[in-house]
């Protein structure tokens, strides 16, 4: 079973059954720094990744 998350153009295989948040943390990144997209639509970071899931992480920039 395979799920994938793409961050900064690099595709990562992640564990099925984990949330997007947990998968990003396992890669050593802060999930709050991204918006997550599936099929061109934003999804919450607590979405559970199942076999065939493909997620794209878009870096969020903010400041004052």
PDB file of N, CA and C in Angstrom:
ATOM      1  N   UNK A   1       0.848  -1.171   0.000  1.00  0.00           N
ATOM      2  CA  UNK A   1       0.000   0.000   0.000  1.00  0.00           C
ATOM      3  C   UNK A   1       0.895   1.238   0.000  1.00  0.00           C
ATOM      4  N   UNK A   2       0.439   2.256  -0.716  1.00  0.00           N
ATOM      5  CA  UNK A   2       1.287   3.415  -0.890  1.00  0.00           C
ATOM      6  C   UNK A   2       0.479   4.710  -0.874  1.00  0.00           C
ATOM      7  N   UNK A   3       1.001   5.678  -0.170  1.00  0.00           N
ATOM      8  CA  UNK A   3       0.468   7.039  -0.184  1.00  0.00           C
ATOM      9  C   UNK A   3       1.667   7.948  -0.404  1.00  0.00           C
ATOM     10  N   UNK A   4       1.431   9.085  -1.041  1.00  0.00           N
ATOM     11  CA  UNK A   4       2.532   9.984  -1.358  1.00  0.00           C
ATOM     12  C   UNK A   4       2.184  11.414  -0.989  1.00  0.00           C
ATOM     13  N   UNK A   5       3.215  12.144  -0.570  1.00  0.00           N
ATOM     14  CA  UNK A   5       3.055  13.567  -0.321  1.00  0.00           C
ATOM     15  C   UNK A   5       4.198  14.288  -1.037  1.00  0.00           C
ATOM     16  N   UNK A   6       3.860  15.313  -1.788  1.00  0.00           N
ATOM     17  CA  UNK A   6       4.851  16.081  -2.532  1.00  0.00           C
ATOM     18  C   UNK A   6       5.080  17.406  -1.820  1.00  0.00           C
ATOM     19  N   UNK A   7       6.344  17.648  -1.478  1.00  0.00           N
ATOM     20  CA  UNK A   7       6.740  18.861  -0.778  1.00  0.00           C
ATOM     21  C   UNK A   7       7.907  19.478  -1.547  1.00  0.00           C
ATOM     22  N   UNK A   8       7.745  20.720  -1.969  1.00  0.00           N
ATOM     23  CA  UNK A   8       8.789  21.436  -2.719  1.00  0.00           C
ATOM     24  C   UNK A   8       9.264  20.640  -3.930  1.00  0.00           C
ATOM     25  N   UNK A   9       8.319  20.002  -4.623  1.00  0.00           N
ATOM     26  CA  UNK A   9       8.632  19.258  -5.834  1.00  0.00           C
ATOM     27  C   UNK A   9       9.214  17.875  -5.605  1.00  0.00           C
ATOM     28  N   UNK A  10       9.435  17.487  -4.351  1.00  0.00           N
ATOM     29  CA  UNK A  10       9.999  16.170  -4.044  1.00  0.00           C
ATOM     30  C   UNK A  10       8.907  15.270  -3.489  1.00  0.00           C
ATOM     31  N   UNK A  11       8.763  14.090  -4.083  1.00  0.00           N
ATOM     32  CA  UNK A  11       7.727  13.142  -3.672  1.00  0.00           C
ATOM     33  C   UNK A  11       8.258  12.216  -2.577  1.00  0.00           C
ATOM     34  N   UNK A  12       7.445  12.057  -1.535  1.00  0.00           N
ATOM     35  CA  UNK A  12       7.815  11.202  -0.403  1.00  0.00           C
ATOM     36  C   UNK A  12       6.762  10.105  -0.239  1.00  0.00           C
ATOM     37  N   UNK A  13       7.195   8.857  -0.071  1.00  0.00           N
ATOM     38  CA  UNK A  13       6.283   7.775   0.283  1.00  0.00           C
ATOM     39  C   UNK A  13       6.010   7.875   1.773  1.00  0.00           C
ATOM     40  N   UNK A  14       4.742   7.752   2.150  1.00  0.00           N
ATOM     41  CA  UNK A  14       4.371   7.848   3.563  1.00  0.00           C
ATOM     42  C   UNK A  14       3.527   6.649   3.960  1.00  0.00           C
ATOM     43  N   UNK A  15       3.422   6.444   5.244  1.00  0.00           N
ATOM     44  CA  UNK A  15       2.707   5.310   5.799  1.00  0.00           C
ATOM     45  C   UNK A  15       1.191   5.481   5.658  1.00  0.00           C
ATOM     46  N   UNK A  16       0.537   4.532   5.020  1.00  0.00           N
ATOM     47  CA  UNK A  16      -0.926   4.551   4.928  1.00  0.00           C
ATOM     48  C   UNK A  16      -1.499   4.405   6.336  1.00  0.00           C
ATOM     49  N   UNK A  17      -2.592   5.092   6.582  1.00  0.00           N
ATOM     50  CA  UNK A  17      -3.234   5.044   7.888  1.00  0.00           C
ATOM     51  C   UNK A  17      -2.818   6.183   8.790  1.00  0.00           C
ATOM     52  N   UNK A  18      -1.775   6.906   8.416  1.00  0.00           N
ATOM     53  CA  UNK A  18      -1.371   8.056   9.214  1.00  0.00           C
ATOM     54  C   UNK A  18      -2.071   9.307   8.686  1.00  0.00           C
ATOM     55  N   UNK A  19      -2.139  10.310   9.528  1.00  0.00           N
ATOM     56  CA  UNK A  19      -2.705  11.578   9.071  1.00  0.00           C
ATOM     57  C   UNK A  19      -1.638  12.341   8.286  1.00  0.00           C
ATOM     58  N   UNK A  20      -2.077  13.318   7.512  1.00  0.00           N
ATOM     59  CA  UNK A  20      -1.131  14.167   6.798  1.00  0.00           C
ATOM     60  C   UNK A  20      -0.195  14.832   7.802  1.00  0.00           C
ATOM     61  N   UNK A  21      -0.744  15.306   8.892  1.00  0.00           N
ATOM     62  CA  UNK A  21       0.040  15.970   9.940  1.00  0.00           C
ATOM     63  C   UNK A  21       1.151  15.040  10.458  1.00  0.00           C
ATOM     64  N   UNK A  22       0.809  13.815  10.795  1.00  0.00           N
ATOM     65  CA  UNK A  22       1.794  12.855  11.307  1.00  0.00           C
ATOM     66  C   UNK A  22       2.855  12.527  10.252  1.00  0.00           C
ATOM     67  N   UNK A  23       2.428  12.404   8.999  1.00  0.00           N
ATOM     68  CA  UNK A  23       3.365  12.085   7.917  1.00  0.00           C
ATOM     69  C   UNK A  23       4.379  13.209   7.721  1.00  0.00           C
ATOM     70  N   UNK A  24       3.914  14.451   7.771  1.00  0.00           N
ATOM     71  CA  UNK A  24       4.810  15.594   7.594  1.00  0.00           C
ATOM     72  C   UNK A  24       5.769  15.702   8.785  1.00  0.00           C
ATOM     73  N   UNK A  25       5.267  15.486   9.983  1.00  0.00           N
ATOM     74  CA  UNK A  25       6.141  15.501  11.171  1.00  0.00           C
ATOM     75  C   UNK A  25       7.205  14.406  11.076  1.00  0.00           C
ATOM     76  N   UNK A  26       6.830  13.232  10.562  1.00  0.00           N
ATOM     77  CA  UNK A  26       7.786  12.131  10.414  1.00  0.00           C
ATOM     78  C   UNK A  26       8.910  12.490   9.435  1.00  0.00           C
ATOM     79  N   UNK A  27       8.640  13.430   8.542  1.00  0.00           N
ATOM     80  CA  UNK A  27       9.660  13.901   7.600  1.00  0.00           C
ATOM     81  C   UNK A  27      10.512  15.010   8.208  1.00  0.00           C
ATOM     82  N   UNK A  28      10.219  15.378   9.469  1.00  0.00           N
ATOM     83  CA  UNK A  28      10.989  16.392  10.161  1.00  0.00           C
ATOM     84  C   UNK A  28      10.575  17.817   9.837  1.00  0.00           C
ATOM     85  N   UNK A  29       9.351  17.980   9.341  1.00  0.00           N
ATOM     86  CA  UNK A  29       8.854  19.306   8.963  1.00  0.00           C
ATOM     87  C   UNK A  29       7.684  19.721   9.848  1.00  0.00           C
ATOM     88  N   UNK A  30       7.419  21.013   9.880  1.00  0.00           N
ATOM     89  CA  UNK A  30       6.309  21.558  10.663  1.00  0.00           C
ATOM     90  C   UNK A  30       5.060  21.625   9.784  1.00  0.00           C
ATOM     91  N   UNK A  31       4.019  20.859  10.094  1.00  0.00           N
ATOM     92  CA  UNK A  31       2.819  20.842   9.258  1.00  0.00           C
ATOM     93  C   UNK A  31       2.111  22.190   9.174  1.00  0.00           C
ATOM     94  N   UNK A  32       2.252  23.028  10.191  1.00  0.00           N
ATOM     95  CA  UNK A  32       1.598  24.340  10.171  1.00  0.00           C
ATOM     96  C   UNK A  32       2.180  25.274   9.113  1.00  0.00           C
ATOM     97  N   UNK A  33       3.296  24.901   8.507  1.00  0.00           N
ATOM     98  CA  UNK A  33       3.943  25.728   7.496  1.00  0.00           C
ATOM     99  C   UNK A  33       3.377  25.482   6.094  1.00  0.00           C
ATOM    100  N   UNK A  34       2.364  24.592   5.994  1.00  0.00           N
ATOM    101  CA  UNK A  34       1.849  24.203   4.684  1.00  0.00           C
ATOM    102  C   UNK A  34       0.326  24.221   4.626  1.00  0.00           C
ATOM    103  N   UNK A  35      -0.173  24.359   3.410  1.00  0.00           N
ATOM    104  CA  UNK A  35      -1.570  24.054   3.089  1.00  0.00           C
ATOM    105  C   UNK A  35      -1.511  22.767   2.281  1.00  0.00           C
ATOM    106  N   UNK A  36      -2.399  21.829   2.559  1.00  0.00           N
ATOM    107  CA  UNK A  36      -2.370  20.530   1.900  1.00  0.00           C
ATOM    108  C   UNK A  36      -3.499  20.419   0.891  1.00  0.00           C
ATOM    109  N   UNK A  37      -3.166  19.944  -0.303  1.00  0.00           N
ATOM    110  CA  UNK A  37      -4.110  19.869  -1.411  1.00  0.00           C
ATOM    111  C   UNK A  37      -4.237  18.427  -1.911  1.00  0.00           C
ATOM    112  N   UNK A  38      -5.488  18.040  -2.187  1.00  0.00           N
ATOM    113  CA  UNK A  38      -5.768  16.764  -2.850  1.00  0.00           C
ATOM    114  C   UNK A  38      -6.719  17.077  -3.997  1.00  0.00           C
ATOM    115  N   UNK A  39      -6.361  16.649  -5.192  1.00  0.00           N
ATOM    116  CA  UNK A  39      -7.178  16.906  -6.378  1.00  0.00           C
ATOM    117  C   UNK A  39      -7.485  18.390  -6.536  1.00  0.00           C
ATOM    118  N   UNK A  40      -6.515  19.240  -6.214  1.00  0.00           N
ATOM    119  CA  UNK A  40      -6.663  20.673  -6.385  1.00  0.00           C
ATOM    120  C   UNK A  40      -7.492  21.380  -5.332  1.00  0.00           C
ATOM    121  N   UNK A  41      -7.865  20.671  -4.286  1.00  0.00           N
ATOM    122  CA  UNK A  41      -8.691  21.259  -3.215  1.00  0.00           C
ATOM    123  C   UNK A  41      -7.966  21.136  -1.876  1.00  0.00           C
ATOM    124  N   UNK A  42      -8.064  22.171  -1.042  1.00  0.00           N
ATOM    125  CA  UNK A  42      -7.431  22.085   0.279  1.00  0.00           C
ATOM    126  C   UNK A  42      -8.127  21.050   1.162  1.00  0.00           C
ATOM    127  N   UNK A  43      -7.336  20.348   1.945  1.00  0.00           N
ATOM    128  CA  UNK A  43      -7.863  19.357   2.889  1.00  0.00           C
ATOM    129  C   UNK A  43      -7.247  19.616   4.260  1.00  0.00           C
ATOM    130  N   UNK A  44      -7.953  19.242   5.336  1.00  0.00           N
ATOM    131  CA  UNK A  44      -7.389  19.427   6.675  1.00  0.00           C
ATOM    132  C   UNK A  44      -6.190  18.511   6.920  1.00  0.00           C
ATOM    133  N   UNK A  45      -5.289  18.952   7.779  1.00  0.00           N
ATOM    134  CA  UNK A  45      -4.094  18.153   8.048  1.00  0.00           C
ATOM    135  C   UNK A  45      -4.385  16.897   8.859  1.00  0.00           C
ATOM    136  N   UNK A  46      -5.612  16.760   9.378  1.00  0.00           N
ATOM    137  CA  UNK A  46      -5.958  15.517  10.089  1.00  0.00           C
ATOM    138  C   UNK A  46      -6.586  14.476   9.157  1.00  0.00           C
ATOM    139  N   UNK A  47      -6.526  14.710   7.841  1.00  0.00           N
ATOM    140  CA  UNK A  47      -7.003  13.746   6.853  1.00  0.00           C
ATOM    141  C   UNK A  47      -6.131  12.494   6.915  1.00  0.00           C
ATOM    142  N   UNK A  48      -6.762  11.324   6.980  1.00  0.00           N
ATOM    143  CA  UNK A  48      -6.036  10.057   7.026  1.00  0.00           C
ATOM    144  C   UNK A  48      -5.651   9.645   5.604  1.00  0.00           C
ATOM    145  N   UNK A  49      -4.392   9.307   5.434  1.00  0.00           N
ATOM    146  CA  UNK A  49      -3.889   8.902   4.125  1.00  0.00           C
ATOM    147  C   UNK A  49      -4.102   7.408   3.940  1.00  0.00           C
ATOM    148  N   UNK A  50      -4.755   7.047   2.835  1.00  0.00           N
ATOM    149  CA  UNK A  50      -5.026   5.653   2.508  1.00  0.00           C
ATOM    150  C   UNK A  50      -4.270   5.298   1.232  1.00  0.00           C
ATOM    151  N   UNK A  51      -4.321   4.027   0.848  1.00  0.00           N
ATOM    152  CA  UNK A  51      -3.638   3.568  -0.356  1.00  0.00           C
ATOM    153  C   UNK A  51      -4.069   4.408  -1.555  1.00  0.00           C
ATOM    154  N   UNK A  52      -3.113   4.938  -2.276  1.00  0.00           N
ATOM    155  CA  UNK A  52      -3.396   5.737  -3.457  1.00  0.00           C
ATOM    156  C   UNK A  52      -3.542   7.225  -3.198  1.00  0.00           C
ATOM    157  N   UNK A  53      -3.503   7.636  -1.931  1.00  0.00           N
ATOM    158  CA  UNK A  53      -3.613   9.060  -1.608  1.00  0.00           C
ATOM    159  C   UNK A  53      -2.407   9.807  -2.165  1.00  0.00           C
ATOM    160  N   UNK A  54      -2.685  10.933  -2.808  1.00  0.00           N
ATOM    161  CA  UNK A  54      -1.623  11.818  -3.287  1.00  0.00           C
ATOM    162  C   UNK A  54      -1.919  13.218  -2.776  1.00  0.00           C
ATOM    163  N   UNK A  55      -1.003  13.746  -1.998  1.00  0.00           N
ATOM    164  CA  UNK A  55      -1.172  15.061  -1.374  1.00  0.00           C
ATOM    165  C   UNK A  55      -0.052  15.975  -1.853  1.00  0.00           C
ATOM    166  N   UNK A  56      -0.389  17.221  -2.110  1.00  0.00           N
ATOM    167  CA  UNK A  56       0.616  18.226  -2.441  1.00  0.00           C
ATOM    168  C   UNK A  56       0.637  19.243  -1.304  1.00  0.00           C
ATOM    169  N   UNK A  57       1.821  19.507  -0.776  1.00  0.00           N
ATOM    170  CA  UNK A  57       1.983  20.496   0.293  1.00  0.00           C
ATOM    171  C   UNK A  57       2.448  21.800  -0.330  1.00  0.00           C
ATOM    172  N   UNK A  58       1.730  22.878  -0.037  1.00  0.00           N
ATOM    173  CA  UNK A  58       2.065  24.201  -0.541  1.00  0.00           C
ATOM    174  C   UNK A  58       2.565  25.038   0.639  1.00  0.00           C
ATOM    175  N   UNK A  59       3.767  25.549   0.524  1.00  0.00           N
ATOM    176  CA  UNK A  59       4.373  26.345   1.600  1.00  0.00           C
ATOM    177  C   UNK A  59       3.595  27.637   1.803  1.00  0.00           C
ATOM    178  N   UNK A  60       3.321  27.959   3.060  1.00  0.00           N
ATOM    179  CA  UNK A  60       2.593  29.177   3.413  1.00  0.00           C
ATOM    180  C   UNK A  60       3.622  30.221   3.833  1.00  0.00           C
ATOM    181  N   UNK A  61       3.484  31.412   3.300  1.00  0.00           N
ATOM    182  CA  UNK A  61       4.367  32.516   3.696  1.00  0.00           C
ATOM    183  C   UNK A  61       3.525  33.593   4.353  1.00  0.00           C
ATOM    184  N   UNK A  62       3.986  34.061   5.486  1.00  0.00           N
ATOM    185  CA  UNK A  62       3.274  35.130   6.153  1.00  0.00           C
ATOM    186  C   UNK A  62       4.266  36.020   6.872  1.00  0.00           C
ATOM    187  N   UNK A  63       3.825  37.155   7.224  1.00  0.00           N
ATOM    188  CA  UNK A  63       4.714  38.067   7.934  1.00  0.00           C
ATOM    189  C   UNK A  63       4.058  39.422   8.052  1.00  0.00           C
ATOM    190  N   UNK A  64       4.749  40.294   8.647  1.00  0.00           N
ATOM    191  CA  UNK A  64       4.184  41.611   8.866  1.00  0.00           C
ATOM    192  C   UNK A  64       5.021  42.713   8.323  1.00  0.00           C
TER     193      UNK A  64
END
